[in-house]
Amino acid sequence: VFDKKDLFVDLAYLKLSTAGLDQFESVPLTLWGGKFETPWSFT
């Protein structure tokens, strides 16, 4: 009956990476924290 519709927090994250840092060129690292998109491979 025309009620108000819900809106939710779908993402809220901080992402840190070593992109562009020469000392980490061979071993790039990425760190996620919060609510984020799935960072691993899956089907």
Full PDB file with SEQRES, HELIX, SHEET, SSBOND, CRYST1, ORIGX, SCALE, CONECT and MASTER records, all heavy atoms in Angstrom:
SEQRES   1 A   43  VAL PHE ASP LYS LYS ASP LEU PHE VAL ASP LEU ALA TYR          
SEQRES   2 A   43  LEU LYS LEU SER THR ALA GLY LEU ASP GLN PHE GLU SER          
SEQRES   3 A   43  VAL PRO LEU THR LEU TRP GLY GLY LYS PHE GLU THR PRO          
SEQRES   4 A   43  TRP SER PHE THR                                              
HELIX    1 AA1 ASP A   22  PHE A   24  5                                   3    
SHEET    1 AA1 2 ALA A  12  SER A  17  0                                        
SHEET    2 AA1 2 THR A  30  LYS A  35 -1                                        
CRYST1    1.000    1.000    1.000  90.00  90.00  90.00 P 1           1          
ORIGX1      1.000000  0.000000  0.000000        0.00000                         
ORIGX2      0.000000  1.000000  0.000000        0.00000                         
ORIGX3      0.000000  0.000000  1.000000        0.00000                         
SCALE1      1.000000  0.000000  0.000000        0.00000                         
SCALE2      0.000000  1.000000  0.000000        0.00000                         
SCALE3      0.000000  0.000000  1.000000        0.00000                         
ATOM      1  N   VAL A   1       0.819  -1.222   0.000  1.00  0.00           N  
ATOM      2  CA  VAL A   1       0.000   0.000   0.000  1.00  0.00           C  
ATOM      3  C   VAL A   1       0.851   1.269   0.000  1.00  0.00           C  
ATOM      4  O   VAL A   1       0.759   2.123   0.885  1.00  0.00           O  
ATOM      5  CB  VAL A   1      -0.973   0.008   1.200  1.00  0.00           C  
ATOM      6  CG1 VAL A   1      -2.085   1.046   0.946  1.00  0.00           C  
ATOM      7  CG2 VAL A   1      -1.573  -1.354   1.451  1.00  0.00           C  
ATOM      8  N   PHE A   2       1.731   1.401  -0.995  1.00  0.00           N  
ATOM      9  CA  PHE A   2       2.502   2.631  -1.225  1.00  0.00           C  
ATOM     10  C   PHE A   2       3.454   2.972  -0.063  1.00  0.00           C  
ATOM     11  O   PHE A   2       3.747   4.146   0.171  1.00  0.00           O  
ATOM     12  CB  PHE A   2       1.582   3.828  -1.480  1.00  0.00           C  
ATOM     13  CG  PHE A   2       0.542   3.590  -2.521  1.00  0.00           C  
ATOM     14  CD1 PHE A   2      -0.752   4.049  -2.345  1.00  0.00           C  
ATOM     15  CD2 PHE A   2       0.845   2.906  -3.695  1.00  0.00           C  
ATOM     16  CE1 PHE A   2      -1.725   3.834  -3.315  1.00  0.00           C  
ATOM     17  CE2 PHE A   2      -0.109   2.691  -4.666  1.00  0.00           C  
ATOM     18  CZ  PHE A   2      -1.397   3.152  -4.474  1.00  0.00           C  
ATOM     19  N   ASP A   3       3.913   1.986   0.704  1.00  0.00           N  
ATOM     20  CA  ASP A   3       4.800   2.301   1.825  1.00  0.00           C  
ATOM     21  C   ASP A   3       6.173   2.749   1.320  1.00  0.00           C  
ATOM     22  O   ASP A   3       6.500   2.617   0.147  1.00  0.00           O  
ATOM     23  CB  ASP A   3       4.948   1.100   2.770  1.00  0.00           C  
ATOM     24  CG  ASP A   3       5.706  -0.055   2.133  1.00  0.00           C  
ATOM     25  OD1 ASP A   3       5.823  -0.086   0.890  1.00  0.00           O  
ATOM     26  OD2 ASP A   3       6.183  -0.929   2.867  1.00  0.00           O  
ATOM     27  N   LYS A   4       6.962   3.320   2.202  1.00  0.00           N  
ATOM     28  CA  LYS A   4       8.309   3.759   1.855  1.00  0.00           C  
ATOM     29  C   LYS A   4       9.193   2.539   1.596  1.00  0.00           C  
ATOM     30  O   LYS A   4       9.043   1.505   2.249  1.00  0.00           O  
ATOM     31  CB  LYS A   4       8.912   4.598   2.982  1.00  0.00           C  
ATOM     32  CG  LYS A   4       8.056   5.782   3.411  1.00  0.00           C  
ATOM     33  CD  LYS A   4       7.801   6.753   2.267  1.00  0.00           C  
ATOM     34  CE  LYS A   4       6.978   7.942   2.741  1.00  0.00           C  
ATOM     35  NZ  LYS A   4       6.619   8.856   1.638  1.00  0.00           N  
ATOM     36  N   LYS A   5      10.128   2.671   0.668  1.00  0.00           N  
ATOM     37  CA  LYS A   5      10.987   1.556   0.302  1.00  0.00           C  
ATOM     38  C   LYS A   5      12.337   1.677   0.999  1.00  0.00           C  
ATOM     39  O   LYS A   5      12.875   2.774   1.179  1.00  0.00           O  
ATOM     40  CB  LYS A   5      11.184   1.500  -1.212  1.00  0.00           C  
ATOM     41  CG  LYS A   5       9.870   1.432  -1.993  1.00  0.00           C  
ATOM     42  CD  LYS A   5       8.990   0.282  -1.526  1.00  0.00           C  
ATOM     43  CE  LYS A   5       7.658   0.273  -2.259  1.00  0.00           C  
ATOM     44  NZ  LYS A   5       6.734  -0.763  -1.737  1.00  0.00           N  
ATOM     45  N   ASP A   6      12.894   0.514   1.350  1.00  0.00           N  
ATOM     46  CA  ASP A   6      14.151   0.484   2.095  1.00  0.00           C  
ATOM     47  C   ASP A   6      15.346   0.762   1.196  1.00  0.00           C  
ATOM     48  O   ASP A   6      15.367   0.424   0.013  1.00  0.00           O  
ATOM     49  CB  ASP A   6      14.336  -0.892   2.751  1.00  0.00           C  
ATOM     50  CG  ASP A   6      13.316  -1.155   3.838  1.00  0.00           C  
ATOM     51  OD1 ASP A   6      12.984  -0.195   4.553  1.00  0.00           O  
ATOM     52  OD2 ASP A   6      12.867  -2.310   3.965  1.00  0.00           O  
ATOM     53  N   LEU A   7      16.350   1.382   1.793  1.00  0.00           N  
ATOM     54  CA  LEU A   7      17.627   1.631   1.133  1.00  0.00           C  
ATOM     55  C   LEU A   7      18.716   1.200   2.111  1.00  0.00           C  
ATOM     56  O   LEU A   7      18.707   1.602   3.272  1.00  0.00           O  
ATOM     57  CB  LEU A   7      17.775   3.110   0.774  1.00  0.00           C  
ATOM     58  CG  LEU A   7      18.853   3.481  -0.245  1.00  0.00           C  
ATOM     59  CD1 LEU A   7      18.544   2.852  -1.601  1.00  0.00           C  
ATOM     60  CD2 LEU A   7      18.965   4.991  -0.375  1.00  0.00           C  
ATOM     61  N   PHE A   8      19.669   0.383   1.637  1.00  0.00           N  
ATOM     62  CA  PHE A   8      20.665  -0.219   2.516  1.00  0.00           C  
ATOM     63  C   PHE A   8      22.080   0.160   2.091  1.00  0.00           C  
ATOM     64  O   PHE A   8      22.324   0.524   0.936  1.00  0.00           O  
ATOM     65  CB  PHE A   8      20.535  -1.743   2.499  1.00  0.00           C  
ATOM     66  CG  PHE A   8      19.226  -2.253   3.021  1.00  0.00           C  
ATOM     67  CD1 PHE A   8      18.167  -2.511   2.161  1.00  0.00           C  
ATOM     68  CD2 PHE A   8      19.037  -2.463   4.377  1.00  0.00           C  
ATOM     69  CE1 PHE A   8      16.957  -2.981   2.642  1.00  0.00           C  
ATOM     70  CE2 PHE A   8      17.829  -2.934   4.873  1.00  0.00           C  
ATOM     71  CZ  PHE A   8      16.793  -3.189   4.007  1.00  0.00           C  
ATOM     72  N   VAL A   9      23.008   0.055   3.038  1.00  0.00           N  
ATOM     73  CA  VAL A   9      24.427   0.222   2.731  1.00  0.00           C  
ATOM     74  C   VAL A   9      24.900  -1.043   2.031  1.00  0.00           C  
ATOM     75  O   VAL A   9      24.939  -2.125   2.626  1.00  0.00           O  
ATOM     76  CB  VAL A   9      25.246   0.471   4.010  1.00  0.00           C  
ATOM     77  CG1 VAL A   9      26.728   0.554   3.662  1.00  0.00           C  
ATOM     78  CG2 VAL A   9      24.784   1.751   4.697  1.00  0.00           C  
ATOM     79  N   ASP A  10      25.254  -0.927   0.767  1.00  0.00           N  
ATOM     80  CA  ASP A  10      25.693  -2.073  -0.036  1.00  0.00           C  
ATOM     81  C   ASP A  10      27.217  -2.190  -0.052  1.00  0.00           C  
ATOM     82  O   ASP A  10      27.755  -3.298  -0.129  1.00  0.00           O  
ATOM     83  CB  ASP A  10      25.150  -1.918  -1.457  1.00  0.00           C  
ATOM     84  CG  ASP A  10      25.289  -3.180  -2.273  1.00  0.00           C  
ATOM     85  OD1 ASP A  10      25.139  -4.286  -1.704  1.00  0.00           O  
ATOM     86  OD2 ASP A  10      25.545  -3.088  -3.497  1.00  0.00           O  
ATOM     87  N   LEU A  11      27.913  -1.069  -0.002  1.00  0.00           N  
ATOM     88  CA  LEU A  11      29.379  -1.036   0.071  1.00  0.00           C  
ATOM     89  C   LEU A  11      29.800   0.088   1.007  1.00  0.00           C  
ATOM     90  O   LEU A  11      29.195   1.156   1.010  1.00  0.00           O  
ATOM     91  CB  LEU A  11      30.007  -0.790  -1.304  1.00  0.00           C  
ATOM     92  CG  LEU A  11      29.862  -1.845  -2.391  1.00  0.00           C  
ATOM     93  CD1 LEU A  11      30.458  -1.315  -3.701  1.00  0.00           C  
ATOM     94  CD2 LEU A  11      30.532  -3.146  -1.995  1.00  0.00           C  
ATOM     95  N   ALA A  12      30.839  -0.167   1.786  1.00  0.00           N  
ATOM     96  CA  ALA A  12      31.475   0.871   2.603  1.00  0.00           C  
ATOM     97  C   ALA A  12      32.849   0.325   2.967  1.00  0.00           C  
ATOM     98  O   ALA A  12      32.979  -0.477   3.893  1.00  0.00           O  
ATOM     99  CB  ALA A  12      30.668   1.192   3.850  1.00  0.00           C  
ATOM    100  N   TYR A  13      33.866   0.718   2.223  1.00  0.00           N  
ATOM    101  CA  TYR A  13      35.150   0.027   2.344  1.00  0.00           C  
ATOM    102  C   TYR A  13      36.332   0.987   2.195  1.00  0.00           C  
ATOM    103  O   TYR A  13      36.210   2.106   1.685  1.00  0.00           O  
ATOM    104  CB  TYR A  13      35.258  -1.055   1.278  1.00  0.00           C  
ATOM    105  CG  TYR A  13      35.385  -0.503  -0.131  1.00  0.00           C  
ATOM    106  CD1 TYR A  13      36.625  -0.246  -0.695  1.00  0.00           C  
ATOM    107  CD2 TYR A  13      34.248  -0.211  -0.891  1.00  0.00           C  
ATOM    108  CE1 TYR A  13      36.742   0.278  -1.975  1.00  0.00           C  
ATOM    109  CE2 TYR A  13      34.354   0.308  -2.164  1.00  0.00           C  
ATOM    110  CZ  TYR A  13      35.605   0.543  -2.702  1.00  0.00           C  
ATOM    111  OH  TYR A  13      35.726   1.080  -3.966  1.00  0.00           O  
ATOM    112  N   LEU A  14      37.474   0.478   2.622  1.00  0.00           N  
ATOM    113  CA  LEU A  14      38.769   1.119   2.385  1.00  0.00           C  
ATOM    114  C   LEU A  14      39.684   0.067   1.773  1.00  0.00           C  
ATOM    115  O   LEU A  14      39.775  -1.056   2.278  1.00  0.00           O  
ATOM    116  CB  LEU A  14      39.372   1.634   3.691  1.00  0.00           C  
ATOM    117  CG  LEU A  14      40.725   2.353   3.582  1.00  0.00           C  
ATOM    118  CD1 LEU A  14      40.574   3.655   2.795  1.00  0.00           C  
ATOM    119  CD2 LEU A  14      41.313   2.628   4.964  1.00  0.00           C  
ATOM    120  N   LYS A  15      40.331   0.435   0.683  1.00  0.00           N  
ATOM    121  CA  LYS A  15      41.211  -0.486  -0.040  1.00  0.00           C  
ATOM    122  C   LYS A  15      42.610   0.110  -0.103  1.00  0.00           C  
ATOM    123  O   LYS A  15      42.796   1.231  -0.567  1.00  0.00           O  
ATOM    124  CB  LYS A  15      40.663  -0.731  -1.446  1.00  0.00           C  
ATOM    125  CG  LYS A  15      41.543  -1.598  -2.328  1.00  0.00           C  
ATOM    126  CD  LYS A  15      40.915  -1.728  -3.723  1.00  0.00           C  
ATOM    127  CE  LYS A  15      41.814  -2.473  -4.680  1.00  0.00           C  
ATOM    128  NZ  LYS A  15      41.216  -2.546  -6.047  1.00  0.00           N  
ATOM    129  N   LEU A  16      43.583  -0.649   0.366  1.00  0.00           N  
ATOM    130  CA  LEU A  16      44.988  -0.236   0.338  1.00  0.00           C  
ATOM    131  C   LEU A  16      45.764  -1.196  -0.550  1.00  0.00           C  
ATOM    132  O   LEU A  16      45.574  -2.414  -0.468  1.00  0.00           O  
ATOM    133  CB  LEU A  16      45.582  -0.250   1.750  1.00  0.00           C  
ATOM    134  CG  LEU A  16      44.835   0.528   2.835  1.00  0.00           C  
ATOM    135  CD1 LEU A  16      45.512   0.341   4.178  1.00  0.00           C  
ATOM    136  CD2 LEU A  16      44.742   2.005   2.476  1.00  0.00           C  
ATOM    137  N   SER A  17      46.625  -0.668  -1.399  1.00  0.00           N  
ATOM    138  CA  SER A  17      47.413  -1.523  -2.282  1.00  0.00           C  
ATOM    139  C   SER A  17      48.821  -0.954  -2.435  1.00  0.00           C  
ATOM    140  O   SER A  17      49.090   0.191  -2.072  1.00  0.00           O  
ATOM    141  CB  SER A  17      46.753  -1.647  -3.659  1.00  0.00           C  
ATOM    142  OG  SER A  17      46.902  -0.441  -4.406  1.00  0.00           O  
ATOM    143  N   THR A  18      49.692  -1.787  -2.970  1.00  0.00           N  
ATOM    144  CA  THR A  18      51.076  -1.363  -3.196  1.00  0.00           C  
ATOM    145  C   THR A  18      51.296  -0.961  -4.651  1.00  0.00           C  
ATOM    146  O   THR A  18      52.449  -0.877  -5.098  1.00  0.00           O  
ATOM    147  CB  THR A  18      52.040  -2.494  -2.822  1.00  0.00           C  
ATOM    148  OG1 THR A  18      51.737  -3.659  -3.632  1.00  0.00           O  
ATOM    149  CG2 THR A  18      51.905  -2.855  -1.350  1.00  0.00           C  
ATOM    150  N   ALA A  19      50.234  -0.698  -5.390  1.00  0.00           N  
ATOM    151  CA  ALA A  19      50.350  -0.304  -6.796  1.00  0.00           C  
ATOM    152  C   ALA A  19      51.199   0.954  -6.928  1.00  0.00           C  
ATOM    153  O   ALA A  19      51.009   1.927  -6.203  1.00  0.00           O  
ATOM    154  CB  ALA A  19      48.964  -0.051  -7.383  1.00  0.00           C  
ATOM    155  N   GLY A  20      52.144   0.930  -7.854  1.00  0.00           N  
ATOM    156  CA  GLY A  20      52.996   2.082  -8.098  1.00  0.00           C  
ATOM    157  C   GLY A  20      54.204   2.200  -7.192  1.00  0.00           C  
ATOM    158  O   GLY A  20      55.015   3.122  -7.361  1.00  0.00           O  
ATOM    159  N   LEU A  21      54.359   1.292  -6.251  1.00  0.00           N  
ATOM    160  CA  LEU A  21      55.519   1.310  -5.357  1.00  0.00           C  
ATOM    161  C   LEU A  21      56.564   0.337  -5.885  1.00  0.00           C  
ATOM    162  O   LEU A  21      56.327  -0.871  -5.967  1.00  0.00           O  
ATOM    163  CB  LEU A  21      55.106   0.925  -3.934  1.00  0.00           C  
ATOM    164  CG  LEU A  21      54.062   1.834  -3.265  1.00  0.00           C  
ATOM    165  CD1 LEU A  21      53.716   1.313  -1.877  1.00  0.00           C  
ATOM    166  CD2 LEU A  21      54.564   3.267  -3.184  1.00  0.00           C  
ATOM    167  N   ASP A  22      57.740   0.852  -6.247  1.00  0.00           N  
ATOM    168  CA  ASP A  22      58.760   0.032  -6.882  1.00  0.00           C  
ATOM    169  C   ASP A  22      59.208  -1.141  -6.011  1.00  0.00           C  
ATOM    170  O   ASP A  22      59.485  -2.229  -6.518  1.00  0.00           O  
ATOM    171  CB  ASP A  22      59.981   0.894  -7.234  1.00  0.00           C  
ATOM    172  CG  ASP A  22      59.665   1.936  -8.297  1.00  0.00           C  
ATOM    173  OD1 ASP A  22      58.673   1.729  -9.036  1.00  0.00           O  
ATOM    174  OD2 ASP A  22      60.390   2.954  -8.378  1.00  0.00           O  
ATOM    175  N   GLN A  23      59.270  -0.921  -4.703  1.00  0.00           N  
ATOM    176  CA  GLN A  23      59.769  -1.974  -3.828  1.00  0.00           C  
ATOM    177  C   GLN A  23      58.809  -3.153  -3.704  1.00  0.00           C  
ATOM    178  O   GLN A  23      59.180  -4.224  -3.232  1.00  0.00           O  
ATOM    179  CB  GLN A  23      60.092  -1.421  -2.436  1.00  0.00           C  
ATOM    180  CG  GLN A  23      58.919  -0.781  -1.707  1.00  0.00           C  
ATOM    181  CD  GLN A  23      58.815   0.707  -1.974  1.00  0.00           C  
ATOM    182  OE1 GLN A  23      59.005   1.154  -3.097  1.00  0.00           O  
ATOM    183  NE2 GLN A  23      58.533   1.476  -0.919  1.00  0.00           N  
ATOM    184  N   PHE A  24      57.538  -2.966  -4.147  1.00  0.00           N  
ATOM    185  CA  PHE A  24      56.562  -4.048  -4.109  1.00  0.00           C  
ATOM    186  C   PHE A  24      56.150  -4.492  -5.509  1.00  0.00           C  
ATOM    187  O   PHE A  24      55.141  -5.177  -5.660  1.00  0.00           O  
ATOM    188  CB  PHE A  24      55.314  -3.608  -3.339  1.00  0.00           C  
ATOM    189  CG  PHE A  24      55.529  -3.452  -1.864  1.00  0.00           C  
ATOM    190  CD1 PHE A  24      55.810  -2.202  -1.320  1.00  0.00           C  
ATOM    191  CD2 PHE A  24      55.463  -4.532  -1.017  1.00  0.00           C  
ATOM    192  CE1 PHE A  24      56.001  -2.044   0.033  1.00  0.00           C  
ATOM    193  CE2 PHE A  24      55.659  -4.391   0.344  1.00  0.00           C  
ATOM    194  CZ  PHE A  24      55.928  -3.147   0.878  1.00  0.00           C  
ATOM    195  N   GLU A  25      56.922  -4.119  -6.525  1.00  0.00           N  
ATOM    196  CA  GLU A  25      56.533  -4.408  -7.897  1.00  0.00           C  
ATOM    197  C   GLU A  25      56.388  -5.904  -8.152  1.00  0.00           C  
ATOM    198  O   GLU A  25      55.491  -6.350  -8.869  1.00  0.00           O  
ATOM    199  CB  GLU A  25      57.542  -3.806  -8.867  1.00  0.00           C  
ATOM    200  CG  GLU A  25      57.180  -3.994 -10.330  1.00  0.00           C  
ATOM    201  CD  GLU A  25      58.163  -3.311 -11.268  1.00  0.00           C  
ATOM    202  OE1 GLU A  25      59.124  -2.684 -10.768  1.00  0.00           O  
ATOM    203  OE2 GLU A  25      57.967  -3.411 -12.483  1.00  0.00           O  
ATOM    204  N   SER A  26      57.260  -6.712  -7.556  1.00  0.00           N  
ATOM    205  CA  SER A  26      57.235  -8.156  -7.804  1.00  0.00           C  
ATOM    206  C   SER A  26      56.251  -8.888  -6.912  1.00  0.00           C  
ATOM    207  O   SER A  26      55.876 -10.034  -7.196  1.00  0.00           O  
ATOM    208  CB  SER A  26      58.635  -8.745  -7.605  1.00  0.00           C  
ATOM    209  OG  SER A  26      59.095  -8.511  -6.282  1.00  0.00           O  
ATOM    210  N   VAL A  27      55.819  -8.265  -5.829  1.00  0.00           N  
ATOM    211  CA  VAL A  27      54.870  -8.909  -4.905  1.00  0.00           C  
ATOM    212  C   VAL A  27      53.760  -7.918  -4.539  1.00  0.00           C  
ATOM    213  O   VAL A  27      53.686  -7.438  -3.410  1.00  0.00           O  
ATOM    214  CB  VAL A  27      55.570  -9.439  -3.638  1.00  0.00           C  
ATOM    215  CG1 VAL A  27      56.324 -10.705  -3.918  1.00  0.00           C  
ATOM    216  CG2 VAL A  27      56.504  -8.379  -3.062  1.00  0.00           C  
ATOM    217  N   PRO A  28      52.879  -7.592  -5.481  1.00  0.00           N  
ATOM    218  CA  PRO A  28      51.826  -6.609  -5.203  1.00  0.00           C  
ATOM    219  C   PRO A  28      50.831  -7.123  -4.162  1.00  0.00           C  
ATOM    220  O   PRO A  28      50.335  -8.244  -4.242  1.00  0.00           O  
ATOM    221  CB  PRO A  28      51.148  -6.415  -6.567  1.00  0.00           C  
ATOM    222  CG  PRO A  28      51.457  -7.675  -7.312  1.00  0.00           C  
ATOM    223  CD  PRO A  28      52.789  -8.134  -6.843  1.00  0.00           C  
ATOM    224  N   LEU A  29      50.534  -6.279  -3.183  1.00  0.00           N  
ATOM    225  CA  LEU A  29      49.607  -6.605  -2.103  1.00  0.00           C  
ATOM    226  C   LEU A  29      48.379  -5.707  -2.169  1.00  0.00           C  
ATOM    227  O   LEU A  29      48.479  -4.544  -2.539  1.00  0.00           O  
ATOM    228  CB  LEU A  29      50.278  -6.426  -0.745  1.00  0.00           C  
ATOM    229  CG  LEU A  29      51.386  -7.410  -0.355  1.00  0.00           C  
ATOM    230  CD1 LEU A  29      52.147  -6.881   0.849  1.00  0.00           C  
ATOM    231  CD2 LEU A  29      50.798  -8.774  -0.049  1.00  0.00           C  
ATOM    232  N   THR A  30      47.233  -6.251  -1.788  1.00  0.00           N  
ATOM    233  CA  THR A  30      46.011  -5.465  -1.689  1.00  0.00           C  
ATOM    234  C   THR A  30      45.290  -5.855  -0.403  1.00  0.00           C  
ATOM    235  O   THR A  30      45.126  -7.052  -0.115  1.00  0.00           O  
ATOM    236  CB  THR A  30      45.079  -5.701  -2.887  1.00  0.00           C  
ATOM    237  OG1 THR A  30      45.780  -5.446  -4.108  1.00  0.00           O  
ATOM    238  CG2 THR A  30      43.872  -4.771  -2.813  1.00  0.00           C  
ATOM    239  N   LEU A  31      44.854  -4.860   0.355  1.00  0.00           N  
ATOM    240  CA  LEU A  31      44.145  -5.084   1.611  1.00  0.00           C  
ATOM    241  C   LEU A  31      42.791  -4.388   1.546  1.00  0.00           C  
ATOM    242  O   LEU A  31      42.718  -3.205   1.191  1.00  0.00           O  
ATOM    243  CB  LEU A  31      44.955  -4.543   2.791  1.00  0.00           C  
ATOM    244  CG  LEU A  31      44.293  -4.578   4.170  1.00  0.00           C  
ATOM    245  CD1 LEU A  31      44.115  -6.015   4.646  1.00  0.00           C  
ATOM    246  CD2 LEU A  31      45.110  -3.771   5.176  1.00  0.00           C  
ATOM    247  N   TRP A  32      41.715  -5.120   1.861  1.00  0.00           N  
ATOM    248  CA  TRP A  32      40.365  -4.569   1.915  1.00  0.00           C  
ATOM    249  C   TRP A  32      39.863  -4.609   3.352  1.00  0.00           C  
ATOM    250  O   TRP A  32      40.137  -5.559   4.095  1.00  0.00           O  
ATOM    251  CB  TRP A  32      39.390  -5.373   1.064  1.00  0.00           C  
ATOM    252  CG  TRP A  32      39.598  -5.362  -0.403  1.00  0.00           C  
ATOM    253  CD1 TRP A  32      39.010  -4.551  -1.343  1.00  0.00           C  
ATOM    254  CD2 TRP A  32      40.438  -6.252  -1.157  1.00  0.00           C  
ATOM    255  NE1 TRP A  32      39.434  -4.871  -2.605  1.00  0.00           N  
ATOM    256  CE2 TRP A  32      40.309  -5.910  -2.523  1.00  0.00           C  
ATOM    257  CE3 TRP A  32      41.284  -7.301  -0.804  1.00  0.00           C  
ATOM    258  CZ2 TRP A  32      40.992  -6.588  -3.525  1.00  0.00           C  
ATOM    259  CZ3 TRP A  32      41.976  -7.968  -1.797  1.00  0.00           C  
ATOM    260  CH2 TRP A  32      41.827  -7.608  -3.151  1.00  0.00           C  
ATOM    261  N   GLY A  33      39.090  -3.610   3.725  1.00  0.00           N  
ATOM    262  CA  GLY A  33      38.442  -3.601   5.024  1.00  0.00           C  
ATOM    263  C   GLY A  33      37.086  -2.936   4.933  1.00  0.00           C  
ATOM    264  O   GLY A  33      36.935  -1.921   4.243  1.00  0.00           O  
ATOM    265  N   GLY A  34      36.086  -3.503   5.607  1.00  0.00           N  
ATOM    266  CA  GLY A  34      34.741  -2.939   5.578  1.00  0.00           C  
ATOM    267  C   GLY A  34      33.761  -3.877   4.901  1.00  0.00           C  
ATOM    268  O   GLY A  34      33.807  -5.095   5.087  1.00  0.00           O  
ATOM    269  N   LYS A  35      32.883  -3.315   4.091  1.00  0.00           N  
ATOM    270  CA  LYS A  35      31.913  -4.079   3.289  1.00  0.00           C  
ATOM    271  C   LYS A  35      32.239  -3.812   1.828  1.00  0.00           C  
ATOM    272  O   LYS A  35      32.091  -2.675   1.354  1.00  0.00           O  
ATOM    273  CB  LYS A  35      30.484  -3.644   3.624  1.00  0.00           C  
ATOM    274  CG  LYS A  35      29.394  -4.480   2.958  1.00  0.00           C  
ATOM    275  CD  LYS A  35      28.020  -4.105   3.494  1.00  0.00           C  
ATOM    276  CE  LYS A  35      26.917  -4.945   2.838  1.00  0.00           C  
ATOM    277  NZ  LYS A  35      27.046  -6.388   3.156  1.00  0.00           N  
ATOM    278  N   PHE A  36      32.689  -4.840   1.117  1.00  0.00           N  
ATOM    279  CA  PHE A  36      33.278  -4.631  -0.207  1.00  0.00           C  
ATOM    280  C   PHE A  36      32.863  -5.743  -1.158  1.00  0.00           C  
ATOM    281  O   PHE A  36      32.274  -6.749  -0.755  1.00  0.00           O  
ATOM    282  CB  PHE A  36      34.807  -4.567  -0.110  1.00  0.00           C  
ATOM    283  CG  PHE A  36      35.404  -5.614   0.801  1.00  0.00           C  
ATOM    284  CD1 PHE A  36      35.721  -6.878   0.340  1.00  0.00           C  
ATOM    285  CD2 PHE A  36      35.641  -5.325   2.142  1.00  0.00           C  
ATOM    286  CE1 PHE A  36      36.258  -7.837   1.180  1.00  0.00           C  
ATOM    287  CE2 PHE A  36      36.181  -6.277   2.993  1.00  0.00           C  
ATOM    288  CZ  PHE A  36      36.492  -7.539   2.522  1.00  0.00           C  
ATOM    289  N   GLU A  37      33.169  -5.556  -2.435  1.00  0.00           N  
ATOM    290  CA  GLU A  37      32.881  -6.582  -3.429  1.00  0.00           C  
ATOM    291  C   GLU A  37      33.812  -7.775  -3.217  1.00  0.00           C  
ATOM    292  O   GLU A  37      34.932  -7.628  -2.738  1.00  0.00           O  
ATOM    293  CB  GLU A  37      33.032  -6.012  -4.838  1.00  0.00           C  
ATOM    294  CG  GLU A  37      31.990  -4.942  -5.160  1.00  0.00           C  
ATOM    295  CD  GLU A  37      32.124  -4.397  -6.570  1.00  0.00           C  
ATOM    296  OE1 GLU A  37      33.247  -4.464  -7.111  1.00  0.00           O  
ATOM    297  OE2 GLU A  37      31.127  -3.898  -7.123  1.00  0.00           O  
ATOM    298  N   THR A  38      33.343  -8.944  -3.595  1.00  0.00           N  
ATOM    299  CA  THR A  38      34.070 -10.183  -3.327  1.00  0.00           C  
ATOM    300  C   THR A  38      35.448 -10.159  -3.990  1.00  0.00           C  
ATOM    301  O   THR A  38      35.540 -10.079  -5.213  1.00  0.00           O  
ATOM    302  CB  THR A  38      33.266 -11.381  -3.854  1.00  0.00           C  
ATOM    303  OG1 THR A  38      31.920 -11.279  -3.400  1.00  0.00           O  
ATOM    304  CG2 THR A  38      33.860 -12.680  -3.361  1.00  0.00           C  
ATOM    305  N   PRO A  39      36.542 -10.251  -3.202  1.00  0.00           N  
ATOM    306  CA  PRO A  39      37.880 -10.124  -3.778  1.00  0.00           C  
ATOM    307  C   PRO A  39      38.520 -11.436  -4.209  1.00  0.00           C  
ATOM    308  O   PRO A  39      39.657 -11.437  -4.667  1.00  0.00           O  
ATOM    309  CB  PRO A  39      38.672  -9.493  -2.623  1.00  0.00           C  
ATOM    310  CG  PRO A  39      38.043 -10.055  -1.403  1.00  0.00           C  
ATOM    311  CD  PRO A  39      36.572 -10.226  -1.729  1.00  0.00           C  
ATOM    312  N   TRP A  40      37.847 -12.565  -4.044  1.00  0.00           N  
ATOM    313  CA  TRP A  40      38.416 -13.840  -4.456  1.00  0.00           C  
ATOM    314  C   TRP A  40      37.664 -14.367  -5.677  1.00  0.00           C  
ATOM    315  O   TRP A  40      36.550 -13.949  -5.976  1.00  0.00           O  
ATOM    316  CB  TRP A  40      38.379 -14.847  -3.307  1.00  0.00           C  
ATOM    317  CG  TRP A  40      37.009 -15.215  -2.819  1.00  0.00           C  
ATOM    318  CD1 TRP A  40      36.216 -16.247  -3.278  1.00  0.00           C  
ATOM    319  CD2 TRP A  40      36.240 -14.579  -1.788  1.00  0.00           C  
ATOM    320  NE1 TRP A  40      35.024 -16.285  -2.604  1.00  0.00           N  
ATOM    321  CE2 TRP A  40      35.013 -15.275  -1.665  1.00  0.00           C  
ATOM    322  CE3 TRP A  40      36.476 -13.493  -0.940  1.00  0.00           C  
ATOM    323  CZ2 TRP A  40      34.031 -14.914  -0.761  1.00  0.00           C  
ATOM    324  CZ3 TRP A  40      35.494 -13.140  -0.037  1.00  0.00           C  
ATOM    325  CH2 TRP A  40      34.294 -13.839   0.056  1.00  0.00           C  
ATOM    326  N   SER A  41      38.263 -15.312  -6.377  1.00  0.00           N  
ATOM    327  CA  SER A  41      37.648 -15.903  -7.569  1.00  0.00           C  
ATOM    328  C   SER A  41      36.589 -16.919  -7.154  1.00  0.00           C  
ATOM    329  O   SER A  41      36.791 -17.687  -6.208  1.00  0.00           O  
ATOM    330  CB  SER A  41      38.712 -16.579  -8.434  1.00  0.00           C  
ATOM    331  OG  SER A  41      39.674 -15.649  -8.880  1.00  0.00           O  
ATOM    332  N   PHE A  42      35.478 -16.940  -7.868  1.00  0.00           N  
ATOM    333  CA  PHE A  42      34.394 -17.852  -7.542  1.00  0.00           C  
ATOM    334  C   PHE A  42      33.486 -18.001  -8.752  1.00  0.00           C  
ATOM    335  O   PHE A  42      33.599 -17.266  -9.732  1.00  0.00           O  
ATOM    336  CB  PHE A  42      33.582 -17.337  -6.336  1.00  0.00           C  
ATOM    337  CG  PHE A  42      32.866 -16.034  -6.607  1.00  0.00           C  
ATOM    338  CD1 PHE A  42      31.545 -16.027  -7.025  1.00  0.00           C  
ATOM    339  CD2 PHE A  42      33.517 -14.820  -6.459  1.00  0.00           C  
ATOM    340  CE1 PHE A  42      30.888 -14.828  -7.284  1.00  0.00           C  
ATOM    341  CE2 PHE A  42      32.864 -13.624  -6.711  1.00  0.00           C  
ATOM    342  CZ  PHE A  42      31.549 -13.634  -7.130  1.00  0.00           C  
ATOM    343  N   THR A  43      32.570 -18.954  -8.678  1.00  0.00           N  
ATOM    344  CA  THR A  43      31.539 -19.114  -9.700  1.00  0.00           C  
ATOM    345  C   THR A  43      30.172 -18.988  -9.032  1.00  0.00           C  
ATOM    346  O   THR A  43      30.049 -19.008  -7.806  1.00  0.00           O  
ATOM    347  CB  THR A  43      31.643 -20.485 -10.394  1.00  0.00           C  
ATOM    348  OG1 THR A  43      31.283 -21.515  -9.458  1.00  0.00           O  
ATOM    349  CG2 THR A  43      33.052 -20.730 -10.908  1.00  0.00           C  
TER     350      THR A  43                                                      
MASTER        0    0    0    1    2    0    0    6  349    1    0    4          
END                                                                             
